[in-house]
Amino acid sequence: MPFPIKNISKIILTNWIHLLGFYVFLETSSIIYLIVSHGFNGNWPSTIMGLILGMPFLMLSYGLLFLLSFYLLIIILDFILFSITNKILVIMIIEWMLIAPPFIYWGFKYNYWAWFVLLIAFITTQYIRGVKIMKLLIKA
């Protein structure tokens, strides 16, 4: 039995979790990459502060087209899939399986590790979002 439109709109609003997850995973992986590639030399406080301040700028400038496309696709998938079925775990997996292949392709094509970090962030945030959706629907 599919969810009513009222619940689907609440479900769509849970997508903010992806933005937060992408930011946290990119920030953390950038700091780890910096430590591994450059060792423990240099001025760490200013470097880390630069990463913390620079990552939102990079996400909202360089990643803006990606974020807009991602959110448009995930909202469309949420609306369609939650209108068809109420199996939250299945929907989360289907969304991940439909959206993950471009991440993998871009990661190999451009030899850019951040796509793989985003892929891990996406599966993690899908799980967190699924739990949040279940709690949201239990309250409703």
C-alpha atoms as a PDB file:
ATOM      1  CA  MET A   1       0.000   0.000   0.000  1.00  0.00           C
ATOM      2  CA  PRO A   2       1.587   3.331  -1.041  1.00  0.00           C
ATOM      3  CA  PHE A   3       1.968   6.312   1.244  1.00  0.00           C
ATOM      4  CA  PRO A   4      -0.464   9.252   1.103  1.00  0.00           C
ATOM      5  CA  ILE A   5       0.761  12.481  -0.552  1.00  0.00           C
ATOM      6  CA  LYS A   6       0.933  14.203   2.854  1.00  0.00           C
ATOM      7  CA  ASN A   7       3.485  11.639   4.061  1.00  0.00           C
ATOM      8  CA  ILE A   8       5.425  11.715   0.777  1.00  0.00           C
ATOM      9  CA  SER A   9       6.001  15.461   1.168  1.00  0.00           C
ATOM     10  CA  LYS A  10       7.380  14.836   4.686  1.00  0.00           C
ATOM     11  CA  ILE A  11       9.588  12.086   3.282  1.00  0.00           C
ATOM     12  CA  ILE A  12      10.964  14.386   0.573  1.00  0.00           C
ATOM     13  CA  LEU A  13      11.892  16.942   3.238  1.00  0.00           C
ATOM     14  CA  THR A  14      14.253  14.374   4.805  1.00  0.00           C
ATOM     15  CA  ASN A  15      16.659  14.805   1.875  1.00  0.00           C
ATOM     16  CA  TRP A  16      18.591  17.501   3.773  1.00  0.00           C
ATOM     17  CA  ILE A  17      20.421  14.574   5.374  1.00  0.00           C
ATOM     18  CA  HIS A  18      22.275  13.983   2.090  1.00  0.00           C
ATOM     19  CA  LEU A  19      23.677  17.510   1.971  1.00  0.00           C
ATOM     20  CA  LEU A  20      24.942  17.275   5.538  1.00  0.00           C
ATOM     21  CA  GLY A  21      26.384  13.809   4.886  1.00  0.00           C
ATOM     22  CA  PHE A  22      28.160  14.909   1.712  1.00  0.00           C
ATOM     23  CA  TYR A  23      29.702  17.845   3.568  1.00  0.00           C
ATOM     24  CA  VAL A  24      30.858  15.776   6.561  1.00  0.00           C
ATOM     25  CA  PHE A  25      32.299  12.978   4.405  1.00  0.00           C
ATOM     26  CA  LEU A  26      34.110  15.364   2.033  1.00  0.00           C
ATOM     27  CA  GLU A  27      35.485  17.408   4.914  1.00  0.00           C
ATOM     28  CA  THR A  28      36.705  14.348   6.807  1.00  0.00           C
ATOM     29  CA  SER A  29      38.212  12.666   3.752  1.00  0.00           C
ATOM     30  CA  SER A  30      39.974  15.892   2.738  1.00  0.00           C
ATOM     31  CA  ILE A  31      41.597  16.182   6.158  1.00  0.00           C
ATOM     32  CA  ILE A  32      42.646  12.511   6.057  1.00  0.00           C
ATOM     33  CA  TYR A  33      44.008  12.935   2.522  1.00  0.00           C
ATOM     34  CA  LEU A  34      45.951  16.015   3.596  1.00  0.00           C
ATOM     35  CA  ILE A  35      47.505  14.164   6.536  1.00  0.00           C
ATOM     36  CA  VAL A  36      48.396  11.096   4.461  1.00  0.00           C
ATOM     37  CA  SER A  37      49.777  12.965   1.455  1.00  0.00           C
ATOM     38  CA  HIS A  38      51.678  15.734   3.250  1.00  0.00           C
ATOM     39  CA  GLY A  39      52.588  14.139   6.565  1.00  0.00           C
ATOM     40  CA  PHE A  40      52.531  16.065   9.802  1.00  0.00           C
ATOM     41  CA  ASN A  41      54.584  19.039   8.606  1.00  0.00           C
ATOM     42  CA  GLY A  42      53.301  22.561   8.240  1.00  0.00           C
ATOM     43  CA  ASN A  43      50.797  24.837   9.871  1.00  0.00           C
ATOM     44  CA  TRP A  44      47.928  22.471  10.690  1.00  0.00           C
ATOM     45  CA  PRO A  45      45.485  24.863  12.362  1.00  0.00           C
ATOM     46  CA  SER A  46      45.371  27.225   9.385  1.00  0.00           C
ATOM     47  CA  THR A  47      45.257  24.369   6.868  1.00  0.00           C
ATOM     48  CA  ILE A  48      42.355  22.646   8.608  1.00  0.00           C
ATOM     49  CA  MET A  49      40.547  25.973   9.066  1.00  0.00           C
ATOM     50  CA  GLY A  50      40.997  26.601   5.335  1.00  0.00           C
ATOM     51  CA  LEU A  51      39.433  23.218   4.580  1.00  0.00           C
ATOM     52  CA  ILE A  52      36.532  23.854   6.948  1.00  0.00           C
ATOM     53  CA  LEU A  53      35.810  27.237   5.382  1.00  0.00           C
ATOM     54  CA  GLY A  54      36.619  26.185   1.821  1.00  0.00           C
ATOM     55  CA  MET A  55      34.549  23.010   1.553  1.00  0.00           C
ATOM     56  CA  PRO A  56      31.129  24.730   1.639  1.00  0.00           C
ATOM     57  CA  PHE A  57      32.354  27.124  -1.055  1.00  0.00           C
ATOM     58  CA  LEU A  58      33.546  24.223  -3.210  1.00  0.00           C
ATOM     59  CA  MET A  59      30.289  22.321  -2.722  1.00  0.00           C
ATOM     60  CA  LEU A  60      28.126  25.308  -3.611  1.00  0.00           C
ATOM     61  CA  SER A  61      30.221  26.462  -6.570  1.00  0.00           C
ATOM     62  CA  TYR A  62      31.948  23.464  -8.154  1.00  0.00           C
ATOM     63  CA  GLY A  63      29.297  21.017  -6.950  1.00  0.00           C
ATOM     64  CA  LEU A  64      26.192  23.146  -7.532  1.00  0.00           C
ATOM     65  CA  LEU A  65      25.219  21.489 -10.824  1.00  0.00           C
ATOM     66  CA  PHE A  66      25.763  18.069  -9.271  1.00  0.00           C
ATOM     67  CA  LEU A  67      23.722  18.943  -6.167  1.00  0.00           C
ATOM     68  CA  LEU A  68      20.827  20.374  -8.179  1.00  0.00           C
ATOM     69  CA  SER A  69      20.733  17.328 -10.462  1.00  0.00           C
ATOM     70  CA  PHE A  70      21.063  14.944  -7.526  1.00  0.00           C
ATOM     71  CA  TYR A  71      18.233  16.561  -5.567  1.00  0.00           C
ATOM     72  CA  LEU A  72      15.961  16.759  -8.589  1.00  0.00           C
ATOM     73  CA  LEU A  73      16.504  13.058  -9.282  1.00  0.00           C
ATOM     74  CA  ILE A  74      16.107  11.942  -5.659  1.00  0.00           C
ATOM     75  CA  ILE A  75      12.888  13.966  -5.239  1.00  0.00           C
ATOM     76  CA  ILE A  76      11.425  12.474  -8.410  1.00  0.00           C
ATOM     77  CA  LEU A  77      12.407   8.963  -7.296  1.00  0.00           C
ATOM     78  CA  ASP A  78      10.985   9.565  -3.811  1.00  0.00           C
ATOM     79  CA  PHE A  79       7.682  10.731  -5.223  1.00  0.00           C
ATOM     80  CA  ILE A  80       7.383   7.830  -7.678  1.00  0.00           C
ATOM     81  CA  LEU A  81       8.629   5.014  -5.443  1.00  0.00           C
ATOM     82  CA  PHE A  82       6.799   6.055  -2.277  1.00  0.00           C
ATOM     83  CA  SER A  83       3.620   6.391  -4.370  1.00  0.00           C
ATOM     84  CA  ILE A  84       4.008   2.788  -5.499  1.00  0.00           C
ATOM     85  CA  THR A  85       5.052   0.926  -2.347  1.00  0.00           C
ATOM     86  CA  ASN A  86       5.598   1.378   1.395  1.00  0.00           C
ATOM     87  CA  LYS A  87       8.722  -0.799   1.685  1.00  0.00           C
ATOM     88  CA  ILE A  88      11.189   1.836   2.869  1.00  0.00           C
ATOM     89  CA  LEU A  89      14.327  -0.324   2.810  1.00  0.00           C
ATOM     90  CA  VAL A  90      13.600  -1.508  -0.737  1.00  0.00           C
ATOM     91  CA  ILE A  91      13.058   2.087  -1.881  1.00  0.00           C
ATOM     92  CA  MET A  92      16.334   3.247  -0.295  1.00  0.00           C
ATOM     93  CA  ILE A  93      18.239   0.429  -2.040  1.00  0.00           C
ATOM     94  CA  ILE A  94      16.581   1.071  -5.414  1.00  0.00           C
ATOM     95  CA  GLU A  95      17.425   4.777  -5.198  1.00  0.00           C
ATOM     96  CA  TRP A  96      21.025   3.966  -4.326  1.00  0.00           C
ATOM     97  CA  MET A  97      21.316   1.440  -7.175  1.00  0.00           C
ATOM     98  CA  LEU A  98      19.935   3.957  -9.680  1.00  0.00           C
ATOM     99  CA  ILE A  99      22.088   6.876  -8.547  1.00  0.00           C
ATOM    100  CA  ALA A 100      25.368   5.069  -7.685  1.00  0.00           C
ATOM    101  CA  PRO A 101      26.526   4.062 -11.213  1.00  0.00           C
ATOM    102  CA  PRO A 102      27.307   7.641 -12.328  1.00  0.00           C
ATOM    103  CA  PHE A 103      29.405   8.143  -9.162  1.00  0.00           C
ATOM    104  CA  ILE A 104      31.419   5.010  -9.992  1.00  0.00           C
ATOM    105  CA  TYR A 105      31.767   5.970 -13.666  1.00  0.00           C
ATOM    106  CA  TRP A 106      32.931   9.515 -12.877  1.00  0.00           C
ATOM    107  CA  GLY A 107      35.334   8.235 -10.226  1.00  0.00           C
ATOM    108  CA  PHE A 108      37.113   5.992 -12.735  1.00  0.00           C
ATOM    109  CA  LYS A 109      36.765   8.274 -15.766  1.00  0.00           C
ATOM    110  CA  TYR A 110      38.190  11.352 -14.046  1.00  0.00           C
ATOM    111  CA  ASN A 111      40.438   9.418 -11.629  1.00  0.00           C
ATOM    112  CA  TYR A 112      38.940  11.535  -8.850  1.00  0.00           C
ATOM    113  CA  TRP A 113      38.579   9.865  -5.444  1.00  0.00           C
ATOM    114  CA  ALA A 114      35.936  12.321  -4.161  1.00  0.00           C
ATOM    115  CA  TRP A 115      33.252  10.537  -6.227  1.00  0.00           C
ATOM    116  CA  PHE A 116      33.893   7.364  -4.239  1.00  0.00           C
ATOM    117  CA  VAL A 117      33.699   9.326  -0.987  1.00  0.00           C
ATOM    118  CA  LEU A 118      30.337  10.719  -2.131  1.00  0.00           C
ATOM    119  CA  LEU A 119      29.200   7.189  -2.971  1.00  0.00           C
ATOM    120  CA  ILE A 120      29.991   6.025   0.570  1.00  0.00           C
ATOM    121  CA  ALA A 121      28.337   9.163   1.960  1.00  0.00           C
ATOM    122  CA  PHE A 122      25.234   8.489  -0.135  1.00  0.00           C
ATOM    123  CA  ILE A 123      24.750   4.907   1.077  1.00  0.00           C
ATOM    124  CA  THR A 124      25.336   6.039   4.665  1.00  0.00           C
ATOM    125  CA  THR A 125      22.871   8.912   4.420  1.00  0.00           C
ATOM    126  CA  GLN A 126      20.328   6.670   2.698  1.00  0.00           C
ATOM    127  CA  TYR A 127      20.457   4.372   5.723  1.00  0.00           C
ATOM    128  CA  ILE A 128      20.136   7.283   8.171  1.00  0.00           C
ATOM    129  CA  ARG A 129      17.330   8.738   6.083  1.00  0.00           C
ATOM    130  CA  GLY A 130      15.513   5.380   6.010  1.00  0.00           C
ATOM    131  CA  VAL A 131      15.587   5.212   9.815  1.00  0.00           C
ATOM    132  CA  LYS A 132      14.356   8.812  10.026  1.00  0.00           C
ATOM    133  CA  ILE A 133      11.525   8.066   7.589  1.00  0.00           C
ATOM    134  CA  MET A 134      10.447   5.053   9.637  1.00  0.00           C
ATOM    135  CA  LYS A 135      10.345   7.155  12.808  1.00  0.00           C
ATOM    136  CA  LEU A 136       8.504   9.927  10.959  1.00  0.00           C
ATOM    137  CA  LEU A 137       5.839   7.549   9.682  1.00  0.00           C
ATOM    138  CA  ILE A 138       5.386   5.868  13.062  1.00  0.00           C
ATOM    139  CA  LYS A 139       4.525   9.281  14.552  1.00  0.00           C
ATOM    140  CA  ALA A 140       2.067  10.025  11.712  1.00  0.00           C
END
